[in-house]
Amino acid sequence: MKSLKQVTILLILLTLPAVLGACTKSASCDSPKVEAQVINSMKSVFERQFTQTMGNADALNKLSFSLSNIVQTDLDDKTHTYSCSAELALTGPTTTKTMPITYSAAMTPGGLRVQVGKF
C-alpha cells in the first residue's frame, strides 16, 4: 500500500499539466484578459499623444476601442509566449478608424505580461 505522501505527490504530478495548460491558455491572443490589456495599453498611448498634441485627452473619452481579426502568428514553446496580430478599431460618434497592431502575451511567474509591438 502506498503512503499518503506518495499518493499526494502522484496527484500533484497528474494535475500539474492541466494547471500549467490553463495558465498558458489564459495568455492566448484572444483571451479576454489579453484583449483588455492590449486595449488599455493603446488607450495609454493615445492619451499621451492627445495630451502632447492637444494639451489634454478629453477627446479620448468620446472614443471606444475594440480588437477584431485576432490571429495568433507564432508561439514560442520555451517561454509560452504568443505572438499576435489584430485590427484595433477606434470608434467615435460618427466614424470608425482601424489600424493593424501586433502584440505578444505570456503568463509569467509575476502574472500576465502583454506587450504591444507595432501599430
PDB file of N, CA and C in Angstrom:
ATOM      1  N   MET A   1       0.840  -1.192   0.000  1.00  0.00           N
ATOM      2  CA  MET A   1       0.000   0.000   0.000  1.00  0.00           C
ATOM      3  C   MET A   1       0.879   1.248   0.000  1.00  0.00           C
ATOM      4  N   LYS A   2       0.510   2.201  -0.824  1.00  0.00           N
ATOM      5  CA  LYS A   2       1.291   3.424  -0.940  1.00  0.00           C
ATOM      6  C   LYS A   2       1.005   4.340   0.236  1.00  0.00           C
ATOM      7  N   SER A   3       2.012   5.074   0.586  1.00  0.00           N
ATOM      8  CA  SER A   3       1.843   6.013   1.696  1.00  0.00           C
ATOM      9  C   SER A   3       1.054   7.233   1.213  1.00  0.00           C
ATOM     10  N   LEU A   4       0.523   7.955   2.152  1.00  0.00           N
ATOM     11  CA  LEU A   4      -0.240   9.165   1.839  1.00  0.00           C
ATOM     12  C   LEU A   4       0.634  10.175   1.109  1.00  0.00           C
ATOM     13  N   LYS A   5       1.901  10.254   1.487  1.00  0.00           N
ATOM     14  CA  LYS A   5       2.829  11.190   0.842  1.00  0.00           C
ATOM     15  C   LYS A   5       3.010  10.823  -0.634  1.00  0.00           C
ATOM     16  N   GLN A   6       3.154   9.541  -0.942  1.00  0.00           N
ATOM     17  CA  GLN A   6       3.318   9.104  -2.325  1.00  0.00           C
ATOM     18  C   GLN A   6       2.064   9.387  -3.140  1.00  0.00           C
ATOM     19  N   VAL A   7       0.904   9.161  -2.573  1.00  0.00           N
ATOM     20  CA  VAL A   7      -0.359   9.419  -3.265  1.00  0.00           C
ATOM     21  C   VAL A   7      -0.506  10.913  -3.539  1.00  0.00           C
ATOM     22  N   THR A   8      -0.161  11.731  -2.556  1.00  0.00           N
ATOM     23  CA  THR A   8      -0.256  13.180  -2.728  1.00  0.00           C
ATOM     24  C   THR A   8       0.664  13.658  -3.838  1.00  0.00           C
ATOM     25  N   ILE A   9       1.899  13.170  -3.846  1.00  0.00           N
ATOM     26  CA  ILE A   9       2.849  13.557  -4.892  1.00  0.00           C
ATOM     27  C   ILE A   9       2.347  13.113  -6.263  1.00  0.00           C
ATOM     28  N   LEU A  10       1.808  11.904  -6.335  1.00  0.00           N
ATOM     29  CA  LEU A  10       1.268  11.393  -7.591  1.00  0.00           C
ATOM     30  C   LEU A  10       0.118  12.269  -8.092  1.00  0.00           C
ATOM     31  N   LEU A  11      -0.783  12.658  -7.197  1.00  0.00           N
ATOM     32  CA  LEU A  11      -1.896  13.530  -7.588  1.00  0.00           C
ATOM     33  C   LEU A  11      -1.409  14.883  -8.087  1.00  0.00           C
ATOM     34  N   ILE A  12      -0.413  15.436  -7.424  1.00  0.00           N
ATOM     35  CA  ILE A  12       0.148  16.712  -7.852  1.00  0.00           C
ATOM     36  C   ILE A  12       0.756  16.584  -9.242  1.00  0.00           C
ATOM     37  N   LEU A  13       1.526  15.532  -9.453  1.00  0.00           N
ATOM     38  CA  LEU A  13       2.148  15.331 -10.760  1.00  0.00           C
ATOM     39  C   LEU A  13       1.117  15.109 -11.859  1.00  0.00           C
ATOM     40  N   LEU A  14       0.018  14.470 -11.541  1.00  0.00           N
ATOM     41  CA  LEU A  14      -1.022  14.224 -12.539  1.00  0.00           C
ATOM     42  C   LEU A  14      -1.802  15.487 -12.885  1.00  0.00           C
ATOM     43  N   THR A  15      -1.980  16.365 -11.917  1.00  0.00           N
ATOM     44  CA  THR A  15      -2.756  17.589 -12.177  1.00  0.00           C
ATOM     45  C   THR A  15      -1.899  18.738 -12.677  1.00  0.00           C
ATOM     46  N   LEU A  16      -0.587  18.666 -12.519  1.00  0.00           N
ATOM     47  CA  LEU A  16       0.297  19.755 -12.928  1.00  0.00           C
ATOM     48  C   LEU A  16       0.158  20.130 -14.399  1.00  0.00           C
ATOM     49  N   PRO A  17       0.138  19.173 -15.336  1.00  0.00           N
ATOM     50  CA  PRO A  17      -0.020  19.570 -16.749  1.00  0.00           C
ATOM     51  C   PRO A  17      -1.322  20.328 -17.010  1.00  0.00           C
ATOM     52  N   ALA A  18      -2.397  19.952 -16.370  1.00  0.00           N
ATOM     53  CA  ALA A  18      -3.671  20.649 -16.575  1.00  0.00           C
ATOM     54  C   ALA A  18      -3.599  22.070 -16.040  1.00  0.00           C
ATOM     55  N   VAL A  19      -2.976  22.228 -14.882  1.00  0.00           N
ATOM     56  CA  VAL A  19      -2.842  23.567 -14.297  1.00  0.00           C
ATOM     57  C   VAL A  19      -1.943  24.439 -15.169  1.00  0.00           C
ATOM     58  N   LEU A  20      -0.811  23.889 -15.609  1.00  0.00           N
ATOM     59  CA  LEU A  20       0.087  24.661 -16.472  1.00  0.00           C
ATOM     60  C   LEU A  20      -0.568  24.976 -17.801  1.00  0.00           C
ATOM     61  N   GLY A  21      -1.313  24.053 -18.333  1.00  0.00           N
ATOM     62  CA  GLY A  21      -2.028  24.302 -19.586  1.00  0.00           C
ATOM     63  C   GLY A  21      -3.043  25.408 -19.430  1.00  0.00           C
ATOM     64  N   ALA A  22      -3.723  25.445 -18.308  1.00  0.00           N
ATOM     65  CA  ALA A  22      -4.700  26.502 -18.066  1.00  0.00           C
ATOM     66  C   ALA A  22      -4.019  27.854 -17.971  1.00  0.00           C
ATOM     67  N   CYS A  23      -2.838  27.894 -17.367  1.00  0.00           N
ATOM     68  CA  CYS A  23      -2.107  29.157 -17.237  1.00  0.00           C
ATOM     69  C   CYS A  23      -1.679  29.680 -18.599  1.00  0.00           C
ATOM     70  N   THR A  24      -1.128  28.809 -19.445  1.00  0.00           N
ATOM     71  CA  THR A  24      -0.671  29.282 -20.738  1.00  0.00           C
ATOM     72  C   THR A  24      -1.859  29.607 -21.637  1.00  0.00           C
ATOM     73  N   LYS A  25      -2.948  28.889 -21.498  1.00  0.00           N
ATOM     74  CA  LYS A  25      -4.126  29.161 -22.316  1.00  0.00           C
ATOM     75  C   LYS A  25      -4.671  30.551 -22.036  1.00  0.00           C
ATOM     76  N   SER A  26      -4.575  31.002 -20.782  1.00  0.00           N
ATOM     77  CA  SER A  26      -5.122  32.307 -20.448  1.00  0.00           C
ATOM     78  C   SER A  26      -4.328  33.439 -21.086  1.00  0.00           C
ATOM     79  N   ALA A  27      -3.160  33.118 -21.678  1.00  0.00           N
ATOM     80  CA  ALA A  27      -2.370  34.144 -22.347  1.00  0.00           C
ATOM     81  C   ALA A  27      -2.553  34.116 -23.856  1.00  0.00           C
ATOM     82  N   SER A  28      -3.497  33.340 -24.348  1.00  0.00           N
ATOM     83  CA  SER A  28      -3.686  33.255 -25.796  1.00  0.00           C
ATOM     84  C   SER A  28      -4.125  34.602 -26.360  1.00  0.00           C
ATOM     85  N   CYS A  29      -3.919  34.764 -27.643  1.00  0.00           N
ATOM     86  CA  CYS A  29      -4.162  36.048 -28.306  1.00  0.00           C
ATOM     87  C   CYS A  29      -5.567  36.593 -28.097  1.00  0.00           C
ATOM     88  N   ASP A  30      -6.569  35.707 -28.085  1.00  0.00           N
ATOM     89  CA  ASP A  30      -7.954  36.165 -27.989  1.00  0.00           C
ATOM     90  C   ASP A  30      -8.544  36.036 -26.589  1.00  0.00           C
ATOM     91  N   SER A  31      -7.690  35.826 -25.601  1.00  0.00           N
ATOM     92  CA  SER A  31      -8.151  35.770 -24.223  1.00  0.00           C
ATOM     93  C   SER A  31      -8.723  37.137 -23.815  1.00  0.00           C
ATOM     94  N   PRO A  32      -9.852  37.167 -23.116  1.00  0.00           N
ATOM     95  CA  PRO A  32     -10.412  38.447 -22.676  1.00  0.00           C
ATOM     96  C   PRO A  32      -9.436  39.284 -21.845  1.00  0.00           C
ATOM     97  N   LYS A  33      -8.626  38.630 -21.011  1.00  0.00           N
ATOM     98  CA  LYS A  33      -7.640  39.366 -20.211  1.00  0.00           C
ATOM     99  C   LYS A  33      -6.575  39.994 -21.099  1.00  0.00           C
ATOM    100  N   VAL A  34      -6.129  39.264 -22.108  1.00  0.00           N
ATOM    101  CA  VAL A  34      -5.119  39.788 -23.027  1.00  0.00           C
ATOM    102  C   VAL A  34      -5.704  40.948 -23.825  1.00  0.00           C
ATOM    103  N   GLU A  35      -6.907  40.761 -24.354  1.00  0.00           N
ATOM    104  CA  GLU A  35      -7.547  41.835 -25.120  1.00  0.00           C
ATOM    105  C   GLU A  35      -7.689  43.097 -24.277  1.00  0.00           C
ATOM    106  N   ALA A  36      -8.102  42.944 -23.024  1.00  0.00           N
ATOM    107  CA  ALA A  36      -8.283  44.104 -22.146  1.00  0.00           C
ATOM    108  C   ALA A  36      -6.956  44.822 -21.920  1.00  0.00           C
ATOM    109  N   GLN A  37      -5.874  44.067 -21.740  1.00  0.00           N
ATOM    110  CA  GLN A  37      -4.576  44.706 -21.525  1.00  0.00           C
ATOM    111  C   GLN A  37      -4.077  45.401 -22.784  1.00  0.00           C
ATOM    112  N   VAL A  38      -4.313  44.810 -23.946  1.00  0.00           N
ATOM    113  CA  VAL A  38      -3.915  45.455 -25.201  1.00  0.00           C
ATOM    114  C   VAL A  38      -4.671  46.772 -25.358  1.00  0.00           C
ATOM    115  N   ILE A  39      -5.966  46.745 -25.128  1.00  0.00           N
ATOM    116  CA  ILE A  39      -6.780  47.953 -25.261  1.00  0.00           C
ATOM    117  C   ILE A  39      -6.347  49.008 -24.251  1.00  0.00           C
ATOM    118  N   ASN A  40      -6.091  48.610 -23.005  1.00  0.00           N
ATOM    119  CA  ASN A  40      -5.626  49.570 -22.005  1.00  0.00           C
ATOM    120  C   ASN A  40      -4.286  50.177 -22.390  1.00  0.00           C
ATOM    121  N   SER A  41      -3.382  49.369 -22.941  1.00  0.00           N
ATOM    122  CA  SER A  41      -2.087  49.885 -23.404  1.00  0.00           C
ATOM    123  C   SER A  41      -2.277  50.909 -24.513  1.00  0.00           C
ATOM    124  N   MET A  42      -3.157  50.582 -25.441  1.00  0.00           N
ATOM    125  CA  MET A  42      -3.388  51.506 -26.564  1.00  0.00           C
ATOM    126  C   MET A  42      -4.054  52.790 -26.089  1.00  0.00           C
ATOM    127  N   LYS A  43      -4.957  52.694 -25.135  1.00  0.00           N
ATOM    128  CA  LYS A  43      -5.573  53.899 -24.583  1.00  0.00           C
ATOM    129  C   LYS A  43      -4.517  54.798 -23.954  1.00  0.00           C
ATOM    130  N   SER A  44      -3.569  54.204 -23.263  1.00  0.00           N
ATOM    131  CA  SER A  44      -2.489  54.986 -22.644  1.00  0.00           C
ATOM    132  C   SER A  44      -1.639  55.691 -23.700  1.00  0.00           C
ATOM    133  N   VAL A  45      -1.336  54.974 -24.789  1.00  0.00           N
ATOM    134  CA  VAL A  45      -0.561  55.567 -25.882  1.00  0.00           C
ATOM    135  C   VAL A  45      -1.313  56.761 -26.462  1.00  0.00           C
ATOM    136  N   PHE A  46      -2.595  56.576 -26.742  1.00  0.00           N
ATOM    137  CA  PHE A  46      -3.378  57.665 -27.325  1.00  0.00           C
ATOM    138  C   PHE A  46      -3.565  58.815 -26.343  1.00  0.00           C
ATOM    139  N   GLU A  47      -3.678  58.507 -25.063  1.00  0.00           N
ATOM    140  CA  GLU A  47      -3.810  59.559 -24.053  1.00  0.00           C
ATOM    141  C   GLU A  47      -2.564  60.439 -24.045  1.00  0.00           C
ATOM    142  N   ARG A  48      -1.384  59.817 -24.115  1.00  0.00           N
ATOM    143  CA  ARG A  48      -0.138  60.602 -24.177  1.00  0.00           C
ATOM    144  C   ARG A  48      -0.095  61.447 -25.441  1.00  0.00           C
ATOM    145  N   GLN A  49      -0.474  60.857 -26.577  1.00  0.00           N
ATOM    146  CA  GLN A  49      -0.443  61.593 -27.844  1.00  0.00           C
ATOM    147  C   GLN A  49      -1.430  62.756 -27.832  1.00  0.00           C
ATOM    148  N   PHE A  50      -2.637  62.521 -27.334  1.00  0.00           N
ATOM    149  CA  PHE A  50      -3.649  63.579 -27.277  1.00  0.00           C
ATOM    150  C   PHE A  50      -3.182  64.701 -26.360  1.00  0.00           C
ATOM    151  N   THR A  51      -2.579  64.348 -25.238  1.00  0.00           N
ATOM    152  CA  THR A  51      -2.112  65.351 -24.288  1.00  0.00           C
ATOM    153  C   THR A  51      -0.981  66.174 -24.895  1.00  0.00           C
ATOM    154  N   GLN A  52      -0.076  65.530 -25.615  1.00  0.00           N
ATOM    155  CA  GLN A  52       1.047  66.239 -26.232  1.00  0.00           C
ATOM    156  C   GLN A  52       0.597  67.141 -27.375  1.00  0.00           C
ATOM    157  N   THR A  53      -0.348  66.681 -28.178  1.00  0.00           N
ATOM    158  CA  THR A  53      -0.748  67.459 -29.353  1.00  0.00           C
ATOM    159  C   THR A  53      -1.867  68.457 -29.080  1.00  0.00           C
ATOM    160  N   MET A  54      -2.779  68.111 -28.166  1.00  0.00           N
ATOM    161  CA  MET A  54      -3.932  68.979 -27.927  1.00  0.00           C
ATOM    162  C   MET A  54      -3.937  69.600 -26.531  1.00  0.00           C
ATOM    163  N   GLY A  55      -3.002  69.211 -25.697  1.00  0.00           N
ATOM    164  CA  GLY A  55      -2.956  69.767 -24.355  1.00  0.00           C
ATOM    165  C   GLY A  55      -3.783  68.999 -23.337  1.00  0.00           C
ATOM    166  N   ASN A  56      -4.703  68.160 -23.801  1.00  0.00           N
ATOM    167  CA  ASN A  56      -5.479  67.312 -22.893  1.00  0.00           C
ATOM    168  C   ASN A  56      -6.010  66.108 -23.664  1.00  0.00           C
ATOM    169  N   ALA A  57      -6.557  65.157 -22.946  1.00  0.00           N
ATOM    170  CA  ALA A  57      -7.033  63.922 -23.567  1.00  0.00           C
ATOM    171  C   ALA A  57      -8.553  63.803 -23.495  1.00  0.00           C
ATOM    172  N   ASP A  58      -9.258  64.948 -23.411  1.00  0.00           N
ATOM    173  CA  ASP A  58     -10.716  64.911 -23.300  1.00  0.00           C
ATOM    174  C   ASP A  58     -11.381  64.215 -24.493  1.00  0.00           C
ATOM    175  N   ALA A  59     -10.827  64.387 -25.682  1.00  0.00           N
ATOM    176  CA  ALA A  59     -11.417  63.773 -26.876  1.00  0.00           C
ATOM    177  C   ALA A  59     -11.372  62.248 -26.798  1.00  0.00           C
ATOM    178  N   LEU A  60     -10.439  61.737 -26.030  1.00  0.00           N
ATOM    179  CA  LEU A  60     -10.308  60.283 -25.883  1.00  0.00           C
ATOM    180  C   LEU A  60     -11.558  59.676 -25.250  1.00  0.00           C
ATOM    181  N   ASN A  61     -12.243  60.429 -24.414  1.00  0.00           N
ATOM    182  CA  ASN A  61     -13.454  59.933 -23.749  1.00  0.00           C
ATOM    183  C   ASN A  61     -14.590  59.659 -24.726  1.00  0.00           C
ATOM    184  N   LYS A  62     -14.511  60.234 -25.923  1.00  0.00           N
ATOM    185  CA  LYS A  62     -15.555  60.033 -26.930  1.00  0.00           C
ATOM    186  C   LYS A  62     -15.282  58.825 -27.813  1.00  0.00           C
ATOM    187  N   LEU A  63     -14.144  58.154 -27.598  1.00  0.00           N
ATOM    188  CA  LEU A  63     -13.775  57.005 -28.421  1.00  0.00           C
ATOM    189  C   LEU A  63     -13.960  55.702 -27.651  1.00  0.00           C
ATOM    190  N   SER A  64     -14.338  54.671 -28.377  1.00  0.00           N
ATOM    191  CA  SER A  64     -14.325  53.327 -27.798  1.00  0.00           C
ATOM    192  C   SER A  64     -13.316  52.499 -28.592  1.00  0.00           C
ATOM    193  N   PHE A  65     -12.668  51.587 -27.912  1.00  0.00           N
ATOM    194  CA  PHE A  65     -11.626  50.762 -28.506  1.00  0.00           C
ATOM    195  C   PHE A  65     -12.082  49.311 -28.535  1.00  0.00           C
ATOM    196  N   SER A  66     -11.726  48.604 -29.609  1.00  0.00           N
ATOM    197  CA  SER A  66     -12.019  47.174 -29.684  1.00  0.00           C
ATOM    198  C   SER A  66     -11.010  46.494 -30.602  1.00  0.00           C
ATOM    199  N   LEU A  67     -10.873  45.191 -30.435  1.00  0.00           N
ATOM    200  CA  LEU A  67      -9.994  44.391 -31.287  1.00  0.00           C
ATOM    201  C   LEU A  67     -10.831  43.458 -32.148  1.00  0.00           C
ATOM    202  N   SER A  68     -10.394  43.262 -33.374  1.00  0.00           N
ATOM    203  CA  SER A  68     -11.053  42.301 -34.263  1.00  0.00           C
ATOM    204  C   SER A  68      -9.988  41.613 -35.117  1.00  0.00           C
ATOM    205  N   ASN A  69     -10.395  40.600 -35.830  1.00  0.00           N
ATOM    206  CA  ASN A  69      -9.495  39.839 -36.702  1.00  0.00           C
ATOM    207  C   ASN A  69      -8.221  39.418 -35.973  1.00  0.00           C
ATOM    208  N   ILE A  70      -8.386  38.887 -34.781  1.00  0.00           N
ATOM    209  CA  ILE A  70      -7.253  38.468 -33.963  1.00  0.00           C
ATOM    210  C   ILE A  70      -6.686  37.164 -34.504  1.00  0.00           C
ATOM    211  N   VAL A  71      -5.356  37.148 -34.722  1.00  0.00           N
ATOM    212  CA  VAL A  71      -4.687  35.979 -35.278  1.00  0.00           C
ATOM    213  C   VAL A  71      -3.435  35.683 -34.460  1.00  0.00           C
ATOM    214  N   GLN A  72      -3.259  34.421 -34.108  1.00  0.00           N
ATOM    215  CA  GLN A  72      -2.006  34.001 -33.482  1.00  0.00           C
ATOM    216  C   GLN A  72      -1.007  33.768 -34.599  1.00  0.00           C
ATOM    217  N   THR A  73       0.098  34.504 -34.590  1.00  0.00           N
ATOM    218  CA  THR A  73       1.092  34.382 -35.658  1.00  0.00           C
ATOM    219  C   THR A  73       2.250  33.468 -35.287  1.00  0.00           C
ATOM    220  N   ASP A  74       2.452  33.247 -33.978  1.00  0.00           N
ATOM    221  CA  ASP A  74       3.542  32.378 -33.544  1.00  0.00           C
ATOM    222  C   ASP A  74       3.338  32.002 -32.079  1.00  0.00           C
ATOM    223  N   LEU A  75       4.001  30.923 -31.668  1.00  0.00           N
ATOM    224  CA  LEU A  75       4.009  30.507 -30.271  1.00  0.00           C
ATOM    225  C   LEU A  75       5.405  30.011 -29.946  1.00  0.00           C
ATOM    226  N   ASP A  76       6.048  30.663 -28.990  1.00  0.00           N
ATOM    227  CA  ASP A  76       7.363  30.229 -28.521  1.00  0.00           C
ATOM    228  C   ASP A  76       7.135  29.173 -27.445  1.00  0.00           C
ATOM    229  N   ASP A  77       7.437  27.925 -27.774  1.00  0.00           N
ATOM    230  CA  ASP A  77       7.182  26.812 -26.857  1.00  0.00           C
ATOM    231  C   ASP A  77       8.002  26.908 -25.571  1.00  0.00           C
ATOM    232  N   LYS A  78       9.187  27.486 -25.648  1.00  0.00           N
ATOM    233  CA  LYS A  78      10.044  27.581 -24.465  1.00  0.00           C
ATOM    234  C   LYS A  78       9.480  28.565 -23.445  1.00  0.00           C
ATOM    235  N   THR A  79       9.015  29.718 -23.915  1.00  0.00           N
ATOM    236  CA  THR A  79       8.539  30.765 -22.997  1.00  0.00           C
ATOM    237  C   THR A  79       7.026  30.831 -22.927  1.00  0.00           C
ATOM    238  N   HIS A  80       6.343  30.030 -23.736  1.00  0.00           N
ATOM    239  CA  HIS A  80       4.876  30.055 -23.825  1.00  0.00           C
ATOM    240  C   HIS A  80       4.382  31.459 -24.150  1.00  0.00           C
ATOM    241  N   THR A  81       5.116  32.134 -25.055  1.00  0.00           N
ATOM    242  CA  THR A  81       4.749  33.483 -25.473  1.00  0.00           C
ATOM    243  C   THR A  81       4.035  33.403 -26.815  1.00  0.00           C
ATOM    244  N   TYR A  82       2.837  33.971 -26.848  1.00  0.00           N
ATOM    245  CA  TYR A  82       2.055  34.035 -28.080  1.00  0.00           C
ATOM    246  C   TYR A  82       2.376  35.332 -28.798  1.00  0.00           C
ATOM    247  N   SER A  83       2.610  35.258 -30.101  1.00  0.00           N
ATOM    248  CA  SER A  83       2.736  36.448 -30.931  1.00  0.00           C
ATOM    249  C   SER A  83       1.423  36.589 -31.691  1.00  0.00           C
ATOM    250  N   CYS A  84       0.908  37.817 -31.732  1.00  0.00           N
ATOM    251  CA  CYS A  84      -0.442  38.027 -32.245  1.00  0.00           C
ATOM    252  C   CYS A  84      -0.505  39.239 -33.168  1.00  0.00           C
ATOM    253  N   SER A  85      -1.497  39.232 -34.033  1.00  0.00           N
ATOM    254  CA  SER A  85      -1.817  40.420 -34.820  1.00  0.00           C
ATOM    255  C   SER A  85      -3.326  40.613 -34.758  1.00  0.00           C
ATOM    256  N   ALA A  86      -3.754  41.851 -34.920  1.00  0.00           N
ATOM    257  CA  ALA A  86      -5.184  42.167 -34.852  1.00  0.00           C
ATOM    258  C   ALA A  86      -5.436  43.521 -35.492  1.00  0.00           C
ATOM    259  N   GLU A  87      -6.695  43.861 -35.597  1.00  0.00           N
ATOM    260  CA  GLU A  87      -7.120  45.195 -36.028  1.00  0.00           C
ATOM    261  C   GLU A  87      -7.654  45.914 -34.796  1.00  0.00           C
ATOM    262  N   LEU A  88      -7.101  47.079 -34.513  1.00  0.00           N
ATOM    263  CA  LEU A  88      -7.601  47.910 -33.429  1.00  0.00           C
ATOM    264  C   LEU A  88      -8.580  48.900 -34.029  1.00  0.00           C
ATOM    265  N   ALA A  89      -9.793  48.915 -33.519  1.00  0.00           N
ATOM    266  CA  ALA A  89     -10.813  49.847 -34.006  1.00  0.00           C
ATOM    267  C   ALA A  89     -11.025  50.947 -32.971  1.00  0.00           C
ATOM    268  N   LEU A  90     -10.985  52.186 -33.432  1.00  0.00           N
ATOM    269  CA  LEU A  90     -11.299  53.351 -32.617  1.00  0.00           C
ATOM    270  C   LEU A  90     -12.609  53.899 -33.163  1.00  0.00           C
ATOM    271  N   THR A  91     -13.642  53.821 -32.373  1.00  0.00           N
ATOM    272  CA  THR A  91     -14.963  54.237 -32.810  1.00  0.00           C
ATOM    273  C   THR A  91     -15.355  55.514 -32.092  1.00  0.00           C
ATOM    274  N   GLY A  92     -15.657  56.529 -32.897  1.00  0.00           N
ATOM    275  CA  GLY A  92     -16.107  57.813 -32.361  1.00  0.00           C
ATOM    276  C   GLY A  92     -17.584  57.983 -32.607  1.00  0.00           C
ATOM    277  N   PRO A  93     -18.094  59.181 -32.356  1.00  0.00           N
ATOM    278  CA  PRO A  93     -19.534  59.433 -32.535  1.00  0.00           C
ATOM    279  C   PRO A  93     -20.014  59.222 -33.970  1.00  0.00           C
ATOM    280  N   THR A  94     -19.144  59.489 -34.957  1.00  0.00           N
ATOM    281  CA  THR A  94     -19.612  59.411 -36.344  1.00  0.00           C
ATOM    282  C   THR A  94     -18.809  58.487 -37.243  1.00  0.00           C
ATOM    283  N   THR A  95     -17.666  58.021 -36.779  1.00  0.00           N
ATOM    284  CA  THR A  95     -16.816  57.222 -37.654  1.00  0.00           C
ATOM    285  C   THR A  95     -15.997  56.212 -36.860  1.00  0.00           C
ATOM    286  N   THR A  96     -15.503  55.207 -37.582  1.00  0.00           N
ATOM    287  CA  THR A  96     -14.612  54.209 -37.005  1.00  0.00           C
ATOM    288  C   THR A  96     -13.345  54.147 -37.849  1.00  0.00           C
ATOM    289  N   LYS A  97     -12.218  54.179 -37.178  1.00  0.00           N
ATOM    290  CA  LYS A  97     -10.924  54.033 -37.845  1.00  0.00           C
ATOM    291  C   LYS A  97     -10.288  52.754 -37.322  1.00  0.00           C
ATOM    292  N   THR A  98      -9.644  51.997 -38.208  1.00  0.00           N
ATOM    293  CA  THR A  98      -8.966  50.780 -37.790  1.00  0.00           C
ATOM    294  C   THR A  98      -7.490  50.865 -38.150  1.00  0.00           C
ATOM    295  N   MET A  99      -6.699  50.143 -37.381  1.00  0.00           N
ATOM    296  CA  MET A  99      -5.271  50.080 -37.675  1.00  0.00           C
ATOM    297  C   MET A  99      -4.761  48.698 -37.269  1.00  0.00           C
ATOM    298  N   PRO A 100      -3.807  48.179 -38.043  1.00  0.00           N
ATOM    299  CA  PRO A 100      -3.234  46.881 -37.677  1.00  0.00           C
ATOM    300  C   PRO A 100      -2.273  47.051 -36.500  1.00  0.00           C
ATOM    301  N   ILE A 101      -2.274  46.085 -35.588  1.00  0.00           N
ATOM    302  CA  ILE A 101      -1.316  46.095 -34.485  1.00  0.00           C
ATOM    303  C   ILE A 101      -0.764  44.690 -34.289  1.00  0.00           C
ATOM    304  N   THR A 102       0.387  44.616 -33.660  1.00  0.00           N
ATOM    305  CA  THR A 102       0.950  43.336 -33.245  1.00  0.00           C
ATOM    306  C   THR A 102       1.192  43.413 -31.745  1.00  0.00           C
ATOM    307  N   TYR A 103       1.119  42.262 -31.095  1.00  0.00           N
ATOM    308  CA  TYR A 103       1.377  42.211 -29.662  1.00  0.00           C
ATOM    309  C   TYR A 103       1.784  40.806 -29.278  1.00  0.00           C
ATOM    310  N   SER A 104       2.356  40.683 -28.084  1.00  0.00           N
ATOM    311  CA  SER A 104       2.705  39.373 -27.559  1.00  0.00           C
ATOM    312  C   SER A 104       2.089  39.236 -26.177  1.00  0.00           C
ATOM    313  N   ALA A 105       1.852  37.992 -25.790  1.00  0.00           N
ATOM    314  CA  ALA A 105       1.239  37.717 -24.493  1.00  0.00           C
ATOM    315  C   ALA A 105       1.858  36.452 -23.913  1.00  0.00           C
ATOM    316  N   ALA A 106       2.142  36.508 -22.608  1.00  0.00           N
ATOM    317  CA  ALA A 106       2.719  35.346 -21.928  1.00  0.00           C
ATOM    318  C   ALA A 106       2.325  35.362 -20.467  1.00  0.00           C
ATOM    319  N   MET A 107       2.155  34.165 -19.922  1.00  0.00           N
ATOM    320  CA  MET A 107       1.971  34.043 -18.487  1.00  0.00           C
ATOM    321  C   MET A 107       3.367  33.913 -17.897  1.00  0.00           C
ATOM    322  N   THR A 108       3.672  34.757 -16.942  1.00  0.00           N
ATOM    323  CA  THR A 108       4.966  34.720 -16.267  1.00  0.00           C
ATOM    324  C   THR A 108       4.712  34.421 -14.792  1.00  0.00           C
ATOM    325  N   PRO A 109       5.745  34.121 -14.044  1.00  0.00           N
ATOM    326  CA  PRO A 109       5.535  33.905 -12.608  1.00  0.00           C
ATOM    327  C   PRO A 109       4.886  35.120 -11.934  1.00  0.00           C
ATOM    328  N   GLY A 110       5.111  36.303 -12.477  1.00  0.00           N
ATOM    329  CA  GLY A 110       4.514  37.516 -11.928  1.00  0.00           C
ATOM    330  C   GLY A 110       3.111  37.795 -12.448  1.00  0.00           C
ATOM    331  N   GLY A 111       2.603  36.952 -13.342  1.00  0.00           N
ATOM    332  CA  GLY A 111       1.265  37.147 -13.900  1.00  0.00           C
ATOM    333  C   GLY A 111       1.312  37.357 -15.403  1.00  0.00           C
ATOM    334  N   LEU A 112       0.225  37.832 -15.934  1.00  0.00           N
ATOM    335  CA  LEU A 112       0.100  38.042 -17.377  1.00  0.00           C
ATOM    336  C   LEU A 112       0.963  39.216 -17.815  1.00  0.00           C
ATOM    337  N   ARG A 113       1.741  39.013 -18.896  1.00  0.00           N
ATOM    338  CA  ARG A 113       2.558  40.075 -19.467  1.00  0.00           C
ATOM    339  C   ARG A 113       2.135  40.249 -20.919  1.00  0.00           C
ATOM    340  N   VAL A 114       1.696  41.450 -21.254  1.00  0.00           N
ATOM    341  CA  VAL A 114       1.284  41.761 -22.619  1.00  0.00           C
ATOM    342  C   VAL A 114       2.131  42.931 -23.098  1.00  0.00           C
ATOM    343  N   GLN A 115       2.684  42.799 -24.307  1.00  0.00           N
ATOM    344  CA  GLN A 115       3.477  43.861 -24.887  1.00  0.00           C
ATOM    345  C   GLN A 115       2.936  44.172 -26.271  1.00  0.00           C
ATOM    346  N   VAL A 116       2.572  45.430 -26.481  1.00  0.00           N
ATOM    347  CA  VAL A 116       2.113  45.860 -27.791  1.00  0.00           C
ATOM    348  C   VAL A 116       3.344  46.236 -28.605  1.00  0.00           C
ATOM    349  N   GLY A 117       3.406  45.705 -29.808  1.00  0.00           N
ATOM    350  CA  GLY A 117       4.556  45.972 -30.681  1.00  0.00           C
ATOM    351  C   GLY A 117       4.256  47.103 -31.626  1.00  0.00           C
ATOM    352  N   LYS A 118       4.068  46.752 -32.873  1.00  0.00           N
ATOM    353  CA  LYS A 118       3.908  47.725 -33.943  1.00  0.00           C
ATOM    354  C   LYS A 118       2.444  48.085 -34.139  1.00  0.00           C
ATOM    355  N   PHE A 119       2.189  49.362 -34.329  1.00  0.00           N
ATOM    356  CA  PHE A 119       0.848  49.820 -34.699  1.00  0.00           C
ATOM    357  C   PHE A 119       0.947  51.030 -35.569  1.00  0.00           C
TER     358      PHE A 119
END
